[in-house]
Amino acid sequence: MDGLIIACPHCKHLNKLPKKDEYKKAVCGVCKGNLLENKAIEVNDYNEFEKIINSVTVPIIIDFWAEWCGPCQMFKPVFSKVAQKFPLKAQFVKVNTDLNQQAAMKFGIRSIPTIVALKDGVEVDRAMGALDEFSFSMWVNKLVEK
């Protein structure tokens, strides 16, 4: 039976779910949080970051950002809002480049915000700068449908 592995947006625990076209309910095995409530996961520990990007089986969208960055602050609500549209279709991760420099170096991040898309742990696309909601939704949708 095929399944998918997703990180809980509440506690970051990895959960294995059966692969379905539609889910009415999906609950974390540890915290009992709703896995359909897709929200960005803050990952500022490099080992936790590696565990998520190497385990999750849906596309992973990573926002590399920093607290002091104006465009990053403008993009933050867009990233969160778009994440809600793709429950169990994509995992959304936020990496503060000041707190997780190792992850930023791994992906060669030189300017922020930079959004990186991964499939099976491999980078498949990247966008630089703060995108508007429509453009970002279309970009994510293209990655999820492939």
N, C-alpha and C. Protein backbone atom coordinates (compact mmCIF):
# COMPACT_ATOMS: atom_id res chain seq x y z
N MET A 1 0.84 -1.19 0.00
CA MET A 1 0.00 0.00 0.00
C MET A 1 0.88 1.24 0.00
N ASP A 2 0.66 2.10 -0.95
CA ASP A 2 1.39 3.36 -1.02
C ASP A 2 0.92 4.29 0.07
N GLY A 3 1.84 5.07 0.59
CA GLY A 3 1.48 6.04 1.61
C GLY A 3 2.24 7.32 1.40
N LEU A 4 1.94 8.30 2.23
CA LEU A 4 2.72 9.53 2.18
C LEU A 4 3.16 9.87 3.58
N ILE A 5 4.30 10.52 3.66
CA ILE A 5 4.84 10.95 4.94
C ILE A 5 4.79 12.47 4.96
N ILE A 6 4.22 12.99 6.04
CA ILE A 6 4.03 14.42 6.20
C ILE A 6 4.45 14.81 7.61
N ALA A 7 5.05 15.99 7.76
CA ALA A 7 5.40 16.49 9.09
C ALA A 7 4.20 17.25 9.65
N CYS A 8 3.89 16.99 10.92
CA CYS A 8 2.77 17.68 11.56
C CYS A 8 3.07 19.17 11.63
N PRO A 9 2.15 20.03 11.19
CA PRO A 9 2.39 21.47 11.25
C PRO A 9 2.34 22.01 12.68
N HIS A 10 1.94 21.18 13.64
CA HIS A 10 1.84 21.61 15.03
C HIS A 10 3.05 21.19 15.86
N CYS A 11 3.49 19.91 15.72
CA CYS A 11 4.58 19.40 16.55
C CYS A 11 5.79 18.91 15.75
N LYS A 12 5.71 18.91 14.43
CA LYS A 12 6.77 18.50 13.50
C LYS A 12 7.02 16.99 13.46
N HIS A 13 6.21 16.20 14.16
CA HIS A 13 6.36 14.75 14.13
C HIS A 13 6.01 14.23 12.74
N LEU A 14 6.78 13.26 12.25
CA LEU A 14 6.50 12.67 10.95
C LEU A 14 5.35 11.67 11.06
N ASN A 15 4.39 11.77 10.16
CA ASN A 15 3.22 10.90 10.15
C ASN A 15 3.11 10.21 8.81
N LYS A 16 2.81 8.90 8.83
CA LYS A 16 2.58 8.15 7.59
C LYS A 16 1.08 8.00 7.42
N LEU A 17 0.60 8.37 6.25
CA LEU A 17 -0.83 8.29 5.93
C LEU A 17 -1.02 7.45 4.67
N PRO A 18 -2.16 6.78 4.57
CA PRO A 18 -2.46 6.08 3.31
C PRO A 18 -2.68 7.12 2.21
N LYS A 19 -2.27 6.79 1.01
CA LYS A 19 -2.43 7.71 -0.12
C LYS A 19 -3.87 7.65 -0.61
N LYS A 20 -4.55 8.80 -0.60
CA LYS A 20 -5.93 8.90 -1.06
C LYS A 20 -6.07 10.14 -1.95
N ASP A 21 -7.15 10.17 -2.71
CA ASP A 21 -7.44 11.36 -3.51
C ASP A 21 -7.96 12.49 -2.63
N GLU A 22 -8.67 12.13 -1.57
CA GLU A 22 -9.26 13.14 -0.70
C GLU A 22 -9.27 12.64 0.74
N TYR A 23 -9.05 13.54 1.67
CA TYR A 23 -9.05 13.19 3.09
C TYR A 23 -10.14 13.99 3.79
N LYS A 24 -10.96 13.30 4.57
CA LYS A 24 -11.96 13.98 5.38
C LYS A 24 -11.37 14.35 6.74
N LYS A 25 -10.44 13.51 7.21
CA LYS A 25 -9.82 13.71 8.50
C LYS A 25 -8.42 13.12 8.47
N ALA A 26 -7.46 13.81 9.07
CA ALA A 26 -6.10 13.31 9.24
C ALA A 26 -5.54 13.93 10.51
N VAL A 27 -5.14 13.07 11.44
CA VAL A 27 -4.72 13.53 12.77
C VAL A 27 -3.30 13.05 13.06
N CYS A 28 -2.49 13.91 13.68
CA CYS A 28 -1.13 13.56 14.06
C CYS A 28 -1.17 12.45 15.11
N GLY A 29 -0.30 11.47 14.94
CA GLY A 29 -0.23 10.36 15.88
C GLY A 29 0.33 10.74 17.24
N VAL A 30 0.99 11.88 17.35
CA VAL A 30 1.58 12.30 18.63
C VAL A 30 0.75 13.37 19.33
N CYS A 31 0.56 14.52 18.68
CA CYS A 31 -0.12 15.64 19.34
C CYS A 31 -1.62 15.69 19.07
N LYS A 32 -2.09 14.82 18.16
CA LYS A 32 -3.50 14.77 17.75
C LYS A 32 -3.95 16.04 17.02
N GLY A 33 -2.98 16.84 16.55
CA GLY A 33 -3.30 18.03 15.76
C GLY A 33 -3.84 17.65 14.40
N ASN A 34 -4.61 18.54 13.82
CA ASN A 34 -5.23 18.32 12.51
C ASN A 34 -4.17 18.50 11.41
N LEU A 35 -3.89 17.43 10.69
CA LEU A 35 -2.91 17.49 9.60
C LEU A 35 -3.45 18.20 8.36
N LEU A 36 -4.77 18.39 8.31
CA LEU A 36 -5.36 19.11 7.19
C LEU A 36 -5.25 20.63 7.37
N GLU A 37 -4.88 21.05 8.56
CA GLU A 37 -4.65 22.47 8.84
C GLU A 37 -3.21 22.78 8.44
N ASN A 38 -3.01 22.95 7.16
CA ASN A 38 -1.66 23.13 6.63
C ASN A 38 -1.18 24.54 6.94
N LYS A 39 -0.09 24.61 7.66
CA LYS A 39 0.52 25.90 7.93
C LYS A 39 2.03 25.73 7.87
N ALA A 40 2.71 26.84 7.71
CA ALA A 40 4.16 26.80 7.59
C ALA A 40 4.78 26.33 8.90
N ILE A 41 5.79 25.48 8.78
CA ILE A 41 6.52 24.97 9.92
C ILE A 41 7.83 25.73 10.03
N GLU A 42 8.08 26.33 11.19
CA GLU A 42 9.36 27.01 11.44
C GLU A 42 10.39 25.93 11.79
N VAL A 43 11.47 25.85 11.02
CA VAL A 43 12.51 24.86 11.28
C VAL A 43 13.85 25.59 11.36
N ASN A 44 14.29 25.80 12.60
CA ASN A 44 15.54 26.53 12.80
C ASN A 44 16.65 25.66 13.36
N ASP A 45 16.41 24.35 13.47
CA ASP A 45 17.42 23.39 13.88
C ASP A 45 17.81 22.59 12.63
N TYR A 46 19.11 22.54 12.34
CA TYR A 46 19.54 21.91 11.09
C TYR A 46 19.21 20.42 11.04
N ASN A 47 19.38 19.70 12.13
CA ASN A 47 19.07 18.26 12.13
C ASN A 47 17.58 18.02 11.89
N GLU A 48 16.75 18.84 12.49
CA GLU A 48 15.30 18.73 12.27
C GLU A 48 14.96 19.05 10.80
N PHE A 49 15.63 20.05 10.26
CA PHE A 49 15.46 20.43 8.86
C PHE A 49 15.81 19.25 7.95
N GLU A 50 16.96 18.63 8.19
CA GLU A 50 17.40 17.48 7.38
C GLU A 50 16.40 16.33 7.48
N LYS A 51 15.92 16.07 8.68
CA LYS A 51 14.96 14.98 8.88
C LYS A 51 13.70 15.22 8.06
N ILE A 52 13.20 16.45 8.07
CA ILE A 52 11.98 16.77 7.33
C ILE A 52 12.21 16.69 5.83
N ILE A 53 13.27 17.33 5.32
CA ILE A 53 13.45 17.35 3.86
C ILE A 53 13.81 15.98 3.30
N ASN A 54 14.35 15.10 4.13
CA ASN A 54 14.72 13.77 3.65
C ASN A 54 13.63 12.73 3.89
N SER A 55 12.56 13.07 4.59
CA SER A 55 11.51 12.10 4.92
C SER A 55 10.17 12.39 4.27
N VAL A 56 9.80 13.66 4.18
CA VAL A 56 8.49 14.03 3.67
C VAL A 56 8.39 13.65 2.20
N THR A 57 7.25 13.05 1.82
CA THR A 57 7.10 12.53 0.46
C THR A 57 6.28 13.42 -0.46
N VAL A 58 5.74 14.52 0.05
CA VAL A 58 5.06 15.49 -0.82
C VAL A 58 6.07 16.59 -1.14
N PRO A 59 5.80 17.41 -2.16
CA PRO A 59 6.72 18.52 -2.44
C PRO A 59 6.88 19.42 -1.21
N ILE A 60 8.10 19.89 -1.00
CA ILE A 60 8.40 20.77 0.13
C ILE A 60 8.73 22.15 -0.43
N ILE A 61 8.05 23.15 0.11
CA ILE A 61 8.27 24.54 -0.30
C ILE A 61 8.95 25.23 0.88
N ILE A 62 10.18 25.71 0.68
CA ILE A 62 10.96 26.31 1.76
C ILE A 62 11.10 27.81 1.52
N ASP A 63 10.74 28.59 2.52
CA ASP A 63 10.93 30.04 2.49
C ASP A 63 12.15 30.36 3.34
N PHE A 64 13.25 30.75 2.70
CA PHE A 64 14.45 31.21 3.41
C PHE A 64 14.27 32.71 3.63
N TRP A 65 14.29 33.13 4.89
CA TRP A 65 13.95 34.50 5.25
C TRP A 65 14.78 34.95 6.45
N ALA A 66 14.62 36.21 6.84
CA ALA A 66 15.23 36.74 8.07
C ALA A 66 14.30 37.79 8.66
N GLU A 67 14.38 37.93 9.96
CA GLU A 67 13.51 38.85 10.72
C GLU A 67 13.68 40.31 10.25
N TRP A 68 14.90 40.71 9.92
CA TRP A 68 15.21 42.10 9.58
C TRP A 68 14.87 42.46 8.13
N CYS A 69 14.47 41.49 7.33
CA CYS A 69 14.26 41.67 5.89
C CYS A 69 12.84 42.17 5.60
N GLY A 70 12.71 43.37 5.07
CA GLY A 70 11.41 43.95 4.74
C GLY A 70 10.60 43.12 3.75
N PRO A 71 11.16 42.74 2.58
CA PRO A 71 10.42 41.91 1.64
C PRO A 71 10.00 40.56 2.25
N CYS A 72 10.84 40.02 3.15
CA CYS A 72 10.48 38.75 3.81
C CYS A 72 9.23 38.94 4.67
N GLN A 73 9.15 40.06 5.35
CA GLN A 73 7.98 40.35 6.19
C GLN A 73 6.73 40.55 5.34
N MET A 74 6.90 41.15 4.16
CA MET A 74 5.76 41.32 3.25
C MET A 74 5.28 39.98 2.70
N PHE A 75 6.21 39.05 2.48
CA PHE A 75 5.87 37.75 1.90
C PHE A 75 5.31 36.77 2.94
N LYS A 76 5.60 37.00 4.21
CA LYS A 76 5.20 36.07 5.28
C LYS A 76 3.71 35.73 5.27
N PRO A 77 2.79 36.71 5.21
CA PRO A 77 1.36 36.35 5.19
C PRO A 77 0.95 35.65 3.90
N VAL A 78 1.60 35.95 2.80
CA VAL A 78 1.31 35.29 1.51
C VAL A 78 1.69 33.81 1.62
N PHE A 79 2.87 33.53 2.16
CA PHE A 79 3.34 32.16 2.32
C PHE A 79 2.37 31.36 3.19
N SER A 80 1.95 31.97 4.30
CA SER A 80 1.01 31.30 5.21
C SER A 80 -0.34 31.05 4.57
N LYS A 81 -0.86 32.03 3.85
CA LYS A 81 -2.17 31.89 3.23
C LYS A 81 -2.17 30.82 2.13
N VAL A 82 -1.14 30.80 1.32
CA VAL A 82 -1.05 29.81 0.24
C VAL A 82 -0.86 28.41 0.82
N ALA A 83 -0.12 28.28 1.91
CA ALA A 83 0.08 26.97 2.55
C ALA A 83 -1.26 26.33 2.90
N GLN A 84 -2.23 27.12 3.33
CA GLN A 84 -3.54 26.61 3.72
C GLN A 84 -4.29 25.97 2.55
N LYS A 85 -3.93 26.33 1.34
CA LYS A 85 -4.64 25.83 0.15
C LYS A 85 -4.17 24.45 -0.29
N PHE A 86 -3.08 23.93 0.29
CA PHE A 86 -2.49 22.68 -0.19
C PHE A 86 -2.30 21.64 0.93
N PRO A 87 -3.35 21.36 1.71
CA PRO A 87 -3.17 20.36 2.78
C PRO A 87 -2.86 18.98 2.20
N LEU A 88 -1.82 18.36 2.75
CA LEU A 88 -1.34 17.03 2.36
C LEU A 88 -0.92 16.94 0.89
N LYS A 89 -0.80 18.07 0.22
CA LYS A 89 -0.31 18.12 -1.16
C LYS A 89 1.10 18.70 -1.23
N ALA A 90 1.43 19.56 -0.26
CA ALA A 90 2.76 20.17 -0.17
C ALA A 90 3.03 20.51 1.29
N GLN A 91 4.30 20.46 1.67
CA GLN A 91 4.71 20.82 3.02
C GLN A 91 5.40 22.17 2.93
N PHE A 92 5.01 23.11 3.77
CA PHE A 92 5.56 24.46 3.74
C PHE A 92 6.46 24.66 4.96
N VAL A 93 7.71 25.06 4.70
CA VAL A 93 8.72 25.18 5.75
C VAL A 93 9.33 26.57 5.68
N LYS A 94 9.50 27.20 6.85
CA LYS A 94 10.17 28.50 6.93
C LYS A 94 11.50 28.31 7.64
N VAL A 95 12.57 28.83 7.03
CA VAL A 95 13.90 28.73 7.61
C VAL A 95 14.46 30.13 7.78
N ASN A 96 14.66 30.53 9.03
CA ASN A 96 15.28 31.82 9.34
C ASN A 96 16.78 31.66 9.09
N THR A 97 17.31 32.37 8.11
CA THR A 97 18.70 32.19 7.70
C THR A 97 19.69 32.66 8.77
N ASP A 98 19.25 33.50 9.70
CA ASP A 98 20.12 33.92 10.81
C ASP A 98 20.24 32.81 11.85
N LEU A 99 19.19 32.00 12.00
CA LEU A 99 19.17 30.94 13.01
C LEU A 99 19.59 29.58 12.46
N ASN A 100 19.46 29.38 11.15
CA ASN A 100 19.81 28.10 10.54
C ASN A 100 20.69 28.36 9.32
N GLN A 101 21.88 28.87 9.59
CA GLN A 101 22.81 29.22 8.52
C GLN A 101 23.27 28.00 7.73
N GLN A 102 23.33 26.86 8.38
CA GLN A 102 23.77 25.63 7.71
C GLN A 102 22.81 25.24 6.58
N ALA A 103 21.49 25.37 6.84
CA ALA A 103 20.50 25.06 5.80
C ALA A 103 20.61 26.05 4.65
N ALA A 104 20.80 27.33 4.98
CA ALA A 104 20.95 28.36 3.95
C ALA A 104 22.19 28.09 3.09
N MET A 105 23.29 27.68 3.73
CA MET A 105 24.51 27.37 2.98
C MET A 105 24.33 26.15 2.10
N LYS A 106 23.61 25.15 2.59
CA LYS A 106 23.38 23.93 1.82
C LYS A 106 22.71 24.24 0.48
N PHE A 107 21.81 25.23 0.48
CA PHE A 107 21.08 25.59 -0.74
C PHE A 107 21.65 26.83 -1.43
N GLY A 108 22.80 27.31 -0.98
CA GLY A 108 23.46 28.44 -1.63
C GLY A 108 22.61 29.70 -1.62
N ILE A 109 21.94 29.98 -0.52
CA ILE A 109 21.08 31.16 -0.43
C ILE A 109 21.95 32.40 -0.31
N ARG A 110 21.79 33.32 -1.27
CA ARG A 110 22.59 34.54 -1.30
C ARG A 110 21.74 35.79 -1.13
N SER A 111 20.43 35.66 -1.36
CA SER A 111 19.53 36.79 -1.14
C SER A 111 18.23 36.23 -0.59
N ILE A 112 17.52 37.07 0.13
CA ILE A 112 16.26 36.63 0.73
C ILE A 112 15.18 37.66 0.43
N PRO A 113 13.93 37.25 0.36
CA PRO A 113 13.49 35.86 0.49
C PRO A 113 13.83 35.05 -0.77
N THR A 114 14.16 33.80 -0.54
CA THR A 114 14.32 32.83 -1.62
C THR A 114 13.43 31.65 -1.28
N ILE A 115 12.63 31.22 -2.23
CA ILE A 115 11.72 30.10 -2.04
C ILE A 115 12.26 28.94 -2.87
N VAL A 116 12.49 27.81 -2.21
CA VAL A 116 13.04 26.63 -2.86
C VAL A 116 12.01 25.51 -2.81
N ALA A 117 11.82 24.83 -3.92
CA ALA A 117 10.90 23.69 -3.99
C ALA A 117 11.71 22.41 -4.11
N LEU A 118 11.37 21.43 -3.28
CA LEU A 118 12.03 20.13 -3.30
C LEU A 118 11.01 19.04 -3.59
N LYS A 119 11.47 18.03 -4.32
CA LYS A 119 10.71 16.79 -4.48
C LYS A 119 11.69 15.66 -4.21
N ASP A 120 11.30 14.78 -3.32
CA ASP A 120 12.16 13.66 -2.92
C ASP A 120 13.54 14.16 -2.47
N GLY A 121 13.56 15.30 -1.77
CA GLY A 121 14.80 15.84 -1.23
C GLY A 121 15.69 16.54 -2.23
N VAL A 122 15.24 16.67 -3.48
CA VAL A 122 16.04 17.28 -4.54
C VAL A 122 15.37 18.59 -4.99
N GLU A 123 16.18 19.63 -5.14
CA GLU A 123 15.63 20.91 -5.59
C GLU A 123 15.12 20.79 -7.03
N VAL A 124 13.86 21.24 -7.24
CA VAL A 124 13.27 21.19 -8.58
C VAL A 124 12.97 22.59 -9.13
N ASP A 125 12.92 23.59 -8.24
CA ASP A 125 12.66 24.96 -8.69
C ASP A 125 13.01 25.92 -7.56
N ARG A 126 13.14 27.19 -7.93
CA ARG A 126 13.41 28.23 -6.93
C ARG A 126 12.89 29.55 -7.45
N ALA A 127 12.43 30.38 -6.54
CA ALA A 127 11.97 31.72 -6.88
C ALA A 127 12.63 32.69 -5.89
N MET A 128 12.98 33.86 -6.41
CA MET A 128 13.63 34.83 -5.53
C MET A 128 12.77 36.07 -5.44
N GLY A 129 12.71 36.63 -4.24
CA GLY A 129 11.93 37.83 -4.00
C GLY A 129 10.54 37.50 -3.49
N ALA A 130 9.86 38.52 -3.01
CA ALA A 130 8.52 38.37 -2.46
C ALA A 130 7.50 38.29 -3.60
N LEU A 131 6.82 37.17 -3.71
CA LEU A 131 5.80 36.98 -4.74
C LEU A 131 4.44 37.41 -4.21
N ASP A 132 3.55 37.81 -5.12
CA ASP A 132 2.17 38.09 -4.71
C ASP A 132 1.43 36.76 -4.56
N GLU A 133 0.28 36.79 -3.92
CA GLU A 133 -0.46 35.57 -3.62
C GLU A 133 -0.82 34.77 -4.87
N PHE A 134 -1.30 35.43 -5.91
CA PHE A 134 -1.69 34.73 -7.13
C PHE A 134 -0.49 34.03 -7.77
N SER A 135 0.61 34.76 -7.93
CA SER A 135 1.81 34.19 -8.57
C SER A 135 2.36 33.02 -7.76
N PHE A 136 2.40 33.18 -6.44
CA PHE A 136 2.92 32.12 -5.58
C PHE A 136 2.01 30.89 -5.61
N SER A 137 0.70 31.10 -5.59
CA SER A 137 -0.26 29.98 -5.67
C SER A 137 -0.08 29.21 -6.97
N MET A 138 0.07 29.93 -8.07
CA MET A 138 0.26 29.29 -9.37
C MET A 138 1.58 28.51 -9.41
N TRP A 139 2.63 29.08 -8.83
CA TRP A 139 3.94 28.43 -8.79
C TRP A 139 3.86 27.12 -8.00
N VAL A 140 3.20 27.16 -6.84
CA VAL A 140 3.06 25.95 -6.01
C VAL A 140 2.18 24.93 -6.72
N ASN A 141 1.09 25.39 -7.31
CA ASN A 141 0.16 24.49 -8.00
C ASN A 141 0.87 23.72 -9.12
N LYS A 142 1.73 24.41 -9.85
CA LYS A 142 2.51 23.79 -10.93
C LYS A 142 3.39 22.67 -10.37
N LEU A 143 3.99 22.90 -9.21
CA LEU A 143 4.87 21.90 -8.59
C LEU A 143 4.09 20.70 -8.06
N VAL A 144 2.92 20.96 -7.51
CA VAL A 144 2.10 19.89 -6.92
C VAL A 144 1.51 19.01 -8.00
N GLU A 145 1.15 19.58 -9.16
CA GLU A 145 0.52 18.82 -10.24
C GLU A 145 1.50 17.97 -11.03
N LYS A 146 2.79 18.26 -10.98
CA LYS A 146 3.78 17.50 -11.76
C LYS A 146 3.86 16.07 -11.31
